[in-house]
Amino acid sequence: MGYHRPHAGRVTFKGEAIHGRRTFEIAALGLGFAPEDSAIFADLTVAENIEIATWTRPGGRPAAERIESAYRVFPALRRYAARRGPELSGGERKMLSVARALALDAELLLLDEPFEGLSPAIIPAVSDGIAEITRLGHAILMAESNIHHVPEYASRLYVIERGEIVFAGPPREASRDASLQRVIGGSV
């Protein structure tokens, strides 16, 4: 998202080089990002956090439709629409971060550790919301350190150990891969 420049190679999205571009320019191309730390605007309400994404990428679907889509994916956020960032739990902030990326009307959402630090009670709500995003036709690239949190709707799984890809394939094949079992120290 423009935070770090690559040391080598190129980063492209939809055939266009994006390395060296500013974050808002990358977002305007249709690339949404929900960071590990959620990075919501603490002084804004839930509703304002979601709405602000529609300003970044004003084209495409109407803002009201995109906002409604975010609430449909994470219905709990509608109940908290008037709450500000500090009044939300970690799981609620995580849902808000993903909902805001969705309200951007992004074609591709980058989700960095969406389950990190979440209470086991909230993981199903976040997972269900992400599954709904895929059903709506948005592509998702997710970084997740706990292989057991990889959702069943993932079409492809890459396991990286010390900078090297040790498994690449459909998630259902991961349980049959002996080298992957050795890396994670158990079953998938």
Protein backbone atom coordinates (compact mmCIF):
# COMPACT_ATOMS: atom_id res chain seq x y z
CA MET A 1 0.00 0.00 0.00
CA GLY A 2 2.95 2.28 -0.49
CA TYR A 3 4.35 2.03 3.04
CA HIS A 4 7.57 0.31 1.97
CA ARG A 5 9.41 0.37 -1.33
CA PRO A 6 10.59 -2.96 -2.77
CA HIS A 7 14.34 -3.57 -2.85
CA ALA A 8 14.02 -5.38 -6.16
CA GLY A 9 11.36 -6.20 -8.71
CA ARG A 10 8.06 -4.48 -9.37
CA VAL A 11 4.69 -4.42 -7.65
CA THR A 12 1.77 -4.24 -10.06
CA PHE A 13 -2.00 -4.21 -9.74
CA LYS A 14 -4.26 -4.61 -12.77
CA GLY A 15 -1.15 -4.36 -14.96
CA GLU A 16 -0.14 -1.00 -13.51
CA ALA A 17 3.02 -0.41 -11.47
CA ILE A 18 2.07 0.71 -7.96
CA HIS A 19 5.43 0.74 -6.20
CA GLY A 20 6.44 4.29 -5.40
CA ARG A 21 2.84 5.55 -5.49
CA ARG A 22 1.16 7.19 -2.55
CA THR A 23 -1.28 5.14 -0.50
CA PHE A 24 -4.39 7.08 -1.55
CA GLU A 25 -3.45 6.59 -5.22
CA ILE A 26 -3.17 2.84 -4.71
CA ALA A 27 -6.52 2.79 -2.89
CA ALA A 28 -8.12 4.76 -5.73
CA LEU A 29 -7.11 1.95 -8.11
CA GLY A 30 -9.28 -0.46 -6.11
CA LEU A 31 -6.87 -1.99 -3.63
CA GLY A 32 -8.20 -2.04 -0.06
CA PHE A 33 -6.13 -2.72 3.04
CA ALA A 34 -7.07 -3.78 6.56
CA PRO A 35 -3.86 -3.69 8.64
CA GLU A 36 -3.06 -6.05 11.51
CA ASP A 37 -3.42 -3.27 14.08
CA SER A 38 -6.82 -2.26 12.61
CA ALA A 39 -5.69 1.41 12.33
CA ILE A 40 -9.16 2.90 12.58
CA PHE A 41 -9.68 6.61 13.15
CA ALA A 42 -10.19 6.68 16.91
CA ASP A 43 -11.84 10.12 16.98
CA LEU A 44 -14.44 9.11 14.39
CA THR A 45 -17.55 7.01 14.93
CA VAL A 46 -18.00 3.60 13.35
CA ALA A 47 -20.32 5.19 10.76
CA GLU A 48 -17.78 7.91 9.95
CA ASN A 49 -14.93 5.39 9.66
CA ILE A 50 -16.91 3.43 7.08
CA GLU A 51 -18.12 6.52 5.22
CA ILE A 52 -14.65 8.01 4.86
CA ALA A 53 -13.63 5.13 2.59
CA THR A 54 -16.25 6.21 0.06
CA TRP A 55 -14.50 9.58 -0.25
CA THR A 56 -11.18 7.95 -1.17
CA ARG A 57 -12.66 6.17 -4.18
CA PRO A 58 -15.70 8.20 -5.21
CA GLY A 59 -16.39 6.38 -8.49
CA GLY A 60 -18.29 3.14 -8.90
CA ARG A 61 -21.26 2.14 -6.81
CA PRO A 62 -23.10 4.84 -4.84
CA ALA A 63 -21.66 5.54 -1.37
CA ALA A 64 -24.90 4.55 0.40
CA GLU A 65 -24.83 1.13 -1.28
CA ARG A 66 -21.20 0.56 -0.29
CA ILE A 67 -21.89 1.57 3.31
CA GLU A 68 -24.90 -0.75 3.45
CA SER A 69 -22.75 -3.57 2.08
CA ALA A 70 -20.24 -3.04 4.92
CA TYR A 71 -23.05 -3.26 7.50
CA ARG A 72 -24.52 -6.33 5.80
CA VAL A 73 -21.14 -8.10 6.02
CA PHE A 74 -20.65 -7.14 9.68
CA PRO A 75 -24.15 -6.55 11.10
CA ALA A 76 -22.83 -5.96 14.64
CA LEU A 77 -21.26 -2.71 13.43
CA ARG A 78 -24.68 -1.22 12.72
CA ARG A 79 -25.47 -1.41 16.46
CA TYR A 80 -22.25 0.45 17.21
CA ALA A 81 -22.55 3.09 14.45
CA ALA A 82 -22.40 6.00 16.94
CA ARG A 83 -19.49 4.62 18.98
CA ARG A 84 -15.99 6.01 18.63
CA GLY A 85 -12.86 3.88 18.26
CA PRO A 86 -11.87 3.69 21.95
CA GLU A 87 -15.33 2.33 22.81
CA LEU A 88 -14.86 -0.74 20.60
CA SER A 89 -13.37 -4.12 21.48
CA GLY A 90 -10.42 -5.47 19.51
CA GLY A 91 -12.72 -7.70 17.47
CA GLU A 92 -15.08 -4.82 16.71
CA ARG A 93 -12.12 -2.69 15.59
CA LYS A 94 -10.94 -5.53 13.35
CA MET A 95 -14.41 -5.83 11.78
CA LEU A 96 -14.49 -2.06 11.28
CA SER A 97 -11.10 -2.07 9.60
CA VAL A 98 -12.22 -4.76 7.13
CA ALA A 99 -15.61 -3.05 6.62
CA ARG A 100 -13.86 0.22 5.82
CA ALA A 101 -11.66 -1.52 3.22
CA LEU A 102 -14.82 -3.04 1.72
CA ALA A 103 -16.60 0.34 1.60
CA LEU A 104 -13.75 1.55 -0.57
CA ASP A 105 -15.36 -0.74 -3.20
CA ALA A 106 -12.01 -2.44 -3.57
CA GLU A 107 -11.58 -5.17 -6.13
CA LEU A 108 -8.83 -6.72 -4.01
CA LEU A 109 -8.71 -6.53 -0.23
CA LEU A 110 -5.41 -7.12 1.55
CA LEU A 111 -6.13 -8.44 5.03
CA ASP A 112 -3.14 -8.53 7.36
CA GLU A 113 -3.65 -11.00 10.22
CA PRO A 114 -7.43 -10.55 10.47
CA PHE A 115 -7.67 -13.07 13.33
CA GLU A 116 -4.60 -11.95 15.30
CA GLY A 117 -5.36 -11.26 18.95
CA LEU A 118 -9.08 -11.94 18.64
CA SER A 119 -11.13 -13.67 21.29
CA PRO A 120 -12.20 -17.15 20.13
CA ALA A 121 -15.79 -15.94 20.56
CA ILE A 122 -15.42 -13.24 17.87
CA ILE A 123 -13.43 -15.27 15.30
CA PRO A 124 -16.56 -16.83 13.70
CA ALA A 125 -18.14 -13.39 13.13
CA VAL A 126 -14.98 -12.08 11.46
CA SER A 127 -14.58 -15.27 9.42
CA ASP A 128 -18.23 -15.20 8.31
CA GLY A 129 -17.87 -11.56 7.28
CA ILE A 130 -14.78 -12.30 5.20
CA ALA A 131 -16.58 -15.25 3.58
CA GLU A 132 -19.47 -12.93 2.68
CA ILE A 133 -17.01 -10.50 1.08
CA THR A 134 -15.80 -13.29 -1.22
CA ARG A 135 -19.41 -14.18 -2.09
CA LEU A 136 -19.92 -10.54 -3.08
CA GLY A 137 -17.18 -11.02 -5.67
CA HIS A 138 -14.23 -9.28 -4.04
CA ALA A 139 -10.84 -10.96 -4.16
CA ILE A 140 -8.97 -11.31 -0.87
CA LEU A 141 -5.28 -11.77 -0.18
CA MET A 142 -4.88 -12.67 3.47
CA ALA A 143 -1.72 -12.95 5.55
CA GLU A 144 -2.37 -15.18 8.56
CA SER A 145 0.25 -16.66 10.90
CA ASN A 146 -2.04 -19.35 12.34
CA ILE A 147 -2.71 -21.97 9.66
CA HIS A 148 -5.73 -23.18 11.66
CA HIS A 149 -7.42 -19.83 11.00
CA VAL A 150 -7.20 -20.22 7.23
CA PRO A 151 -10.83 -20.19 6.17
CA GLU A 152 -12.39 -23.07 4.26
CA TYR A 153 -13.35 -20.74 1.42
CA ALA A 154 -9.69 -19.94 0.64
CA SER A 155 -8.88 -21.11 -2.87
CA ARG A 156 -5.10 -21.07 -2.50
CA LEU A 157 -2.69 -21.43 0.43
CA TYR A 158 0.96 -20.42 0.57
CA VAL A 159 2.97 -21.32 3.65
CA ILE A 160 6.18 -19.36 4.03
CA GLU A 161 8.87 -20.44 6.47
CA ARG A 162 11.96 -18.24 6.89
CA GLY A 163 11.26 -16.45 3.62
CA GLU A 164 10.81 -19.62 1.57
CA ILE A 165 7.55 -21.04 0.21
CA VAL A 166 7.24 -24.53 1.73
CA PHE A 167 3.70 -25.19 0.49
CA ALA A 168 1.63 -23.80 -2.36
CA GLY A 169 -1.70 -25.28 -3.32
CA PRO A 170 -5.33 -25.73 -2.40
CA PRO A 171 -5.84 -25.71 1.39
CA ARG A 172 -7.43 -29.18 1.30
CA GLU A 173 -4.07 -30.60 0.14
CA ALA A 174 -2.18 -29.08 3.08
CA SER A 175 -3.17 -31.89 5.44
CA ARG A 176 -1.54 -34.42 3.09
CA ASP A 177 1.77 -32.56 2.70
CA ALA A 178 4.43 -34.20 4.89
CA SER A 179 6.92 -31.32 4.63
CA LEU A 180 4.26 -28.85 5.74
CA GLN A 181 3.38 -31.08 8.70
CA ARG A 182 7.04 -31.01 9.78
CA VAL A 183 7.17 -27.20 9.52
CA ILE A 184 4.04 -26.56 11.58
CA GLY A 185 4.72 -29.42 13.98
CA GLY A 186 1.36 -31.12 13.72
CA SER A 187 -1.69 -31.56 11.59
CA VAL A 188 -3.54 -28.93 9.61
